[in-house]
N, C-alpha and C. Protein backbone atom coordinates (compact mmCIF):
# COMPACT_ATOMS: atom_id res chain seq x y z
N UNK A 1 78.60 96.16 73.05
CA UNK A 1 79.28 95.25 73.41
C UNK A 1 80.34 96.04 74.29
N UNK A 2 80.42 95.09 75.82
CA UNK A 2 81.16 95.62 76.66
C UNK A 2 82.70 95.71 76.41
N UNK A 3 83.32 96.90 76.86
CA UNK A 3 84.59 97.17 76.95
C UNK A 3 85.44 96.09 77.06
N UNK A 4 86.28 95.76 76.12
CA UNK A 4 87.42 94.59 76.19
C UNK A 4 88.59 94.83 77.22
N UNK A 5 88.57 93.82 78.25
CA UNK A 5 89.55 94.49 79.48
C UNK A 5 91.07 94.80 78.86
N UNK A 6 91.04 95.83 79.71
CA UNK A 6 92.66 96.92 79.14
C UNK A 6 93.62 96.40 80.36
N UNK A 7 93.31 95.74 81.36
CA UNK A 7 94.65 95.02 82.54
C UNK A 7 95.66 94.23 81.17
N UNK A 8 95.15 93.67 80.88
CA UNK A 8 96.46 92.04 79.50
C UNK A 8 96.72 93.50 79.13
N UNK A 9 96.81 94.24 78.57
CA UNK A 9 97.58 95.28 77.55
C UNK A 9 98.64 96.03 78.25
N UNK A 10 98.58 96.60 80.24
CA UNK A 10 99.43 96.72 80.66
C UNK A 10 101.35 95.81 80.96
N UNK A 11 101.92 96.37 80.88
CA UNK A 11 103.43 95.92 80.82
C UNK A 11 104.30 96.28 81.73
N UNK A 12 104.60 96.07 82.91
CA UNK A 12 105.93 96.27 83.81
C UNK A 12 106.90 95.84 82.49
N UNK A 13 107.92 96.84 83.08
CA UNK A 13 108.85 96.83 82.43
C UNK A 13 110.20 96.88 84.08
N UNK A 14 109.62 96.43 85.44
CA UNK A 14 110.18 96.24 86.23
C UNK A 14 111.60 95.54 85.76
N UNK A 15 111.72 94.03 85.12
CA UNK A 15 112.90 93.31 85.29
C UNK A 15 113.74 94.05 84.09
N UNK A 16 113.67 94.75 83.34
CA UNK A 16 114.72 95.67 82.74
C UNK A 16 115.34 97.10 83.36
N UNK A 17 113.93 97.85 84.06
CA UNK A 17 115.28 98.41 84.94
C UNK A 17 115.94 98.26 85.93
N UNK A 18 115.83 97.06 86.85
CA UNK A 18 116.45 96.60 87.74
C UNK A 18 117.53 96.11 87.20
N UNK A 19 117.87 95.57 86.51
CA UNK A 19 119.01 95.11 85.18
C UNK A 19 119.76 96.25 85.03
N UNK A 20 119.16 97.28 84.87
CA UNK A 20 120.08 98.29 84.10
C UNK A 20 120.27 98.59 85.30
N UNK A 21 119.53 98.94 86.23
CA UNK A 21 120.87 99.56 87.58
C UNK A 21 121.13 98.26 88.38
N UNK A 22 121.32 97.31 87.94
CA UNK A 22 122.13 95.88 88.76
C UNK A 22 121.40 96.09 90.02
N UNK A 23 120.20 96.19 90.40
CA UNK A 23 119.13 95.78 91.24
C UNK A 23 118.84 94.61 91.67
N UNK A 24 118.56 93.73 92.57
CA UNK A 24 117.70 92.90 92.51
C UNK A 24 116.66 93.40 93.69
N UNK A 25 115.61 91.91 92.96
CA UNK A 25 113.70 92.27 93.65
C UNK A 25 114.03 92.22 94.72
N UNK A 26 115.08 91.56 95.75
CA UNK A 26 114.98 91.31 96.71
C UNK A 26 114.88 93.26 97.79
N UNK A 27 116.16 93.57 97.20
CA UNK A 27 116.84 94.74 97.84
C UNK A 27 115.39 96.06 96.73
N UNK A 28 115.21 95.71 95.85
CA UNK A 28 114.07 96.52 95.89
C UNK A 28 112.63 97.06 96.91
N UNK A 29 112.44 95.01 97.20
CA UNK A 29 111.53 95.47 97.79
C UNK A 29 111.58 95.74 99.13
N UNK A 30 113.06 95.63 99.78
CA UNK A 30 113.68 95.82 101.04
C UNK A 30 113.33 97.89 101.22
N UNK A 31 113.88 98.66 100.27
CA UNK A 31 113.92 100.03 99.67
C UNK A 31 112.70 100.42 99.81
N UNK A 32 111.74 99.71 98.85
CA UNK A 32 110.39 100.76 99.00
C UNK A 32 109.61 100.28 99.83
N UNK A 33 109.43 99.06 101.01
CA UNK A 33 108.41 98.07 101.67
C UNK A 33 107.58 98.17 101.28
N UNK A 34 108.15 97.16 100.69
CA UNK A 34 106.71 95.78 100.51
C UNK A 34 107.50 94.70 100.40
N UNK A 35 106.50 93.28 100.23
CA UNK A 35 106.88 92.04 100.17
C UNK A 35 107.72 91.79 98.59
N UNK A 36 108.25 90.33 98.86
CA UNK A 36 109.22 90.26 97.29
C UNK A 36 107.56 90.02 96.49
N UNK A 37 107.25 89.05 96.92
CA UNK A 37 105.73 88.63 96.24
C UNK A 37 105.19 89.71 96.13
N UNK A 38 104.55 90.30 96.47
CA UNK A 38 103.97 91.65 95.55
C UNK A 38 104.98 92.10 94.71
N UNK A 39 106.21 92.72 94.49
CA UNK A 39 107.00 92.73 94.06
C UNK A 39 106.94 91.78 92.69
N UNK A 40 107.00 90.76 92.75
CA UNK A 40 107.46 89.37 91.56
C UNK A 40 105.87 89.67 90.68
N UNK A 41 104.85 89.43 91.48
CA UNK A 41 103.64 90.41 91.08
C UNK A 41 103.27 90.75 89.97
N UNK A 42 103.51 92.05 90.40
CA UNK A 42 103.87 93.61 89.59
C UNK A 42 104.49 92.70 88.64
N UNK A 43 105.95 92.39 88.90
CA UNK A 43 107.24 92.07 87.33
C UNK A 43 106.26 91.21 85.95
N UNK A 44 105.76 90.46 87.03
CA UNK A 44 105.23 89.49 86.47
C UNK A 44 103.28 90.04 85.32
N UNK A 45 103.63 90.65 85.55
CA UNK A 45 102.43 91.20 85.05
C UNK A 45 101.12 90.96 85.47
N UNK A 46 101.35 90.66 86.71
CA UNK A 46 99.91 89.50 86.80
C UNK A 46 99.11 90.62 88.08
N UNK A 47 98.95 91.95 87.89
CA UNK A 47 99.07 92.65 89.05
C UNK A 47 97.55 93.16 88.40
N UNK A 48 96.51 93.12 89.32
CA UNK A 48 95.69 93.65 88.81
C UNK A 48 95.59 95.07 89.19
N UNK A 49 96.29 95.86 90.17
CA UNK A 49 96.29 96.95 90.19
C UNK A 49 98.02 97.26 91.24
N UNK A 50 97.54 98.65 91.70
CA UNK A 50 99.12 98.67 92.49
C UNK A 50 98.91 100.28 92.88
N UNK A 51 98.96 100.32 94.71
CA UNK A 51 98.72 101.64 94.81
C UNK A 51 99.48 102.86 94.88
N UNK A 52 98.95 104.07 94.23
CA UNK A 52 100.18 105.59 94.28
C UNK A 52 101.53 105.53 94.86
N UNK A 53 101.21 105.60 96.39
CA UNK A 53 102.50 105.10 97.48
C UNK A 53 103.41 104.20 97.04
N UNK A 54 103.20 102.68 96.68
CA UNK A 54 104.06 102.04 96.14
C UNK A 54 104.41 102.99 95.10
N UNK A 55 103.63 102.71 94.00
CA UNK A 55 104.27 103.11 92.62
C UNK A 55 105.09 104.29 92.79
N UNK A 56 105.45 105.69 93.32
CA UNK A 56 105.89 106.89 93.66
C UNK A 56 107.25 105.76 93.89
N UNK A 57 106.82 105.09 95.25
CA UNK A 57 108.29 104.50 95.74
C UNK A 57 109.18 103.58 95.08
N UNK A 58 108.41 102.71 94.24
CA UNK A 58 109.23 102.15 93.27
C UNK A 58 109.92 102.90 92.40
N UNK A 59 109.39 104.16 91.49
CA UNK A 59 109.92 105.04 90.80
C UNK A 59 110.94 105.96 91.57
N UNK A 60 110.82 106.33 92.90
CA UNK A 60 112.06 106.95 93.27
C UNK A 60 112.82 106.30 93.21
N UNK A 61 113.05 105.07 93.43
CA UNK A 61 113.78 103.99 93.60
C UNK A 61 114.76 104.06 93.00
N UNK A 62 113.98 104.01 91.90
CA UNK A 62 114.54 103.32 90.30
C UNK A 62 115.26 104.39 88.93
N UNK A 63 114.27 105.91 90.59
CA UNK A 63 114.97 106.82 89.94
C UNK A 63 114.51 107.00 87.74
N UNK A 64 113.28 106.76 88.48
CA UNK A 64 112.27 106.67 86.70
C UNK A 64 110.91 107.21 87.10
N UNK A 65 110.38 107.23 85.55
CA UNK A 65 108.98 107.70 85.82
C UNK A 65 107.75 107.09 85.73
N UNK A 66 106.86 106.73 86.23
CA UNK A 66 105.54 105.56 85.66
C UNK A 66 106.11 104.98 84.47
N UNK A 67 105.38 105.99 83.63
CA UNK A 67 105.62 105.74 81.89
C UNK A 67 107.16 104.70 81.45
N UNK A 68 108.24 104.34 82.66
CA UNK A 68 109.20 103.65 82.37
C UNK A 68 109.10 102.41 82.89
N UNK A 69 107.74 102.64 83.96
CA UNK A 69 107.53 101.46 84.70
C UNK A 69 106.78 100.30 83.75
N UNK A 70 105.98 101.15 83.57
CA UNK A 70 104.01 100.86 82.91
C UNK A 70 104.29 101.09 81.48
N UNK A 71 103.77 100.65 80.90
CA UNK A 71 103.70 100.98 79.22
C UNK A 71 102.49 100.22 78.75
N UNK A 72 101.17 100.42 77.93
CA UNK A 72 100.43 99.97 76.73
C UNK A 72 101.28 99.51 75.94
N UNK A 73 100.64 98.18 75.73
CA UNK A 73 100.94 97.22 75.33
C UNK A 73 100.06 97.87 74.33
N UNK A 74 100.79 96.38 72.55
CA UNK A 74 99.16 96.67 71.41
C UNK A 74 98.80 98.06 70.49
N UNK A 75 98.47 98.11 69.90
CA UNK A 75 98.48 99.21 68.60
C UNK A 75 96.63 99.37 67.74
N UNK A 76 95.84 98.55 68.89
CA UNK A 76 94.33 98.64 68.72
C UNK A 76 93.89 100.02 69.34
N UNK A 77 93.33 100.79 68.31
CA UNK A 77 92.43 102.00 68.41
C UNK A 77 91.04 101.60 69.02
N UNK A 78 90.48 103.21 69.22
CA UNK A 78 89.24 102.77 70.25
C UNK A 78 88.37 102.52 68.55
N UNK A 79 87.20 101.86 68.96
CA UNK A 79 86.37 101.90 67.70
C UNK A 79 86.05 103.16 67.77
N UNK A 80 85.85 103.40 66.00
CA UNK A 80 85.62 104.68 65.72
C UNK A 80 86.59 105.47 65.40
N UNK A 81 87.60 105.16 65.70
CA UNK A 81 88.69 105.97 65.87
C UNK A 81 90.31 105.45 64.85
N UNK A 82 90.46 106.51 64.09
CA UNK A 82 91.25 106.41 62.90
C UNK A 82 92.38 106.63 63.04
């Protein structure tokens, strides 16, 4: 059986991090050097990939770790693992 698509289990916490820091998506886009559209895609969990330089720039601006920004949801374990 082919592995389940895991991208649907990755959740981006960008909204929460922006709110906690009192920052807008537009301001983050300006500081990171990417478009608001691209950040919106990430924020709405529609991104299929993110470049490491973009990811680290977001984390630098928001003063967070990658694990603060991206979390894996769901509790299913791999087949055969208990």
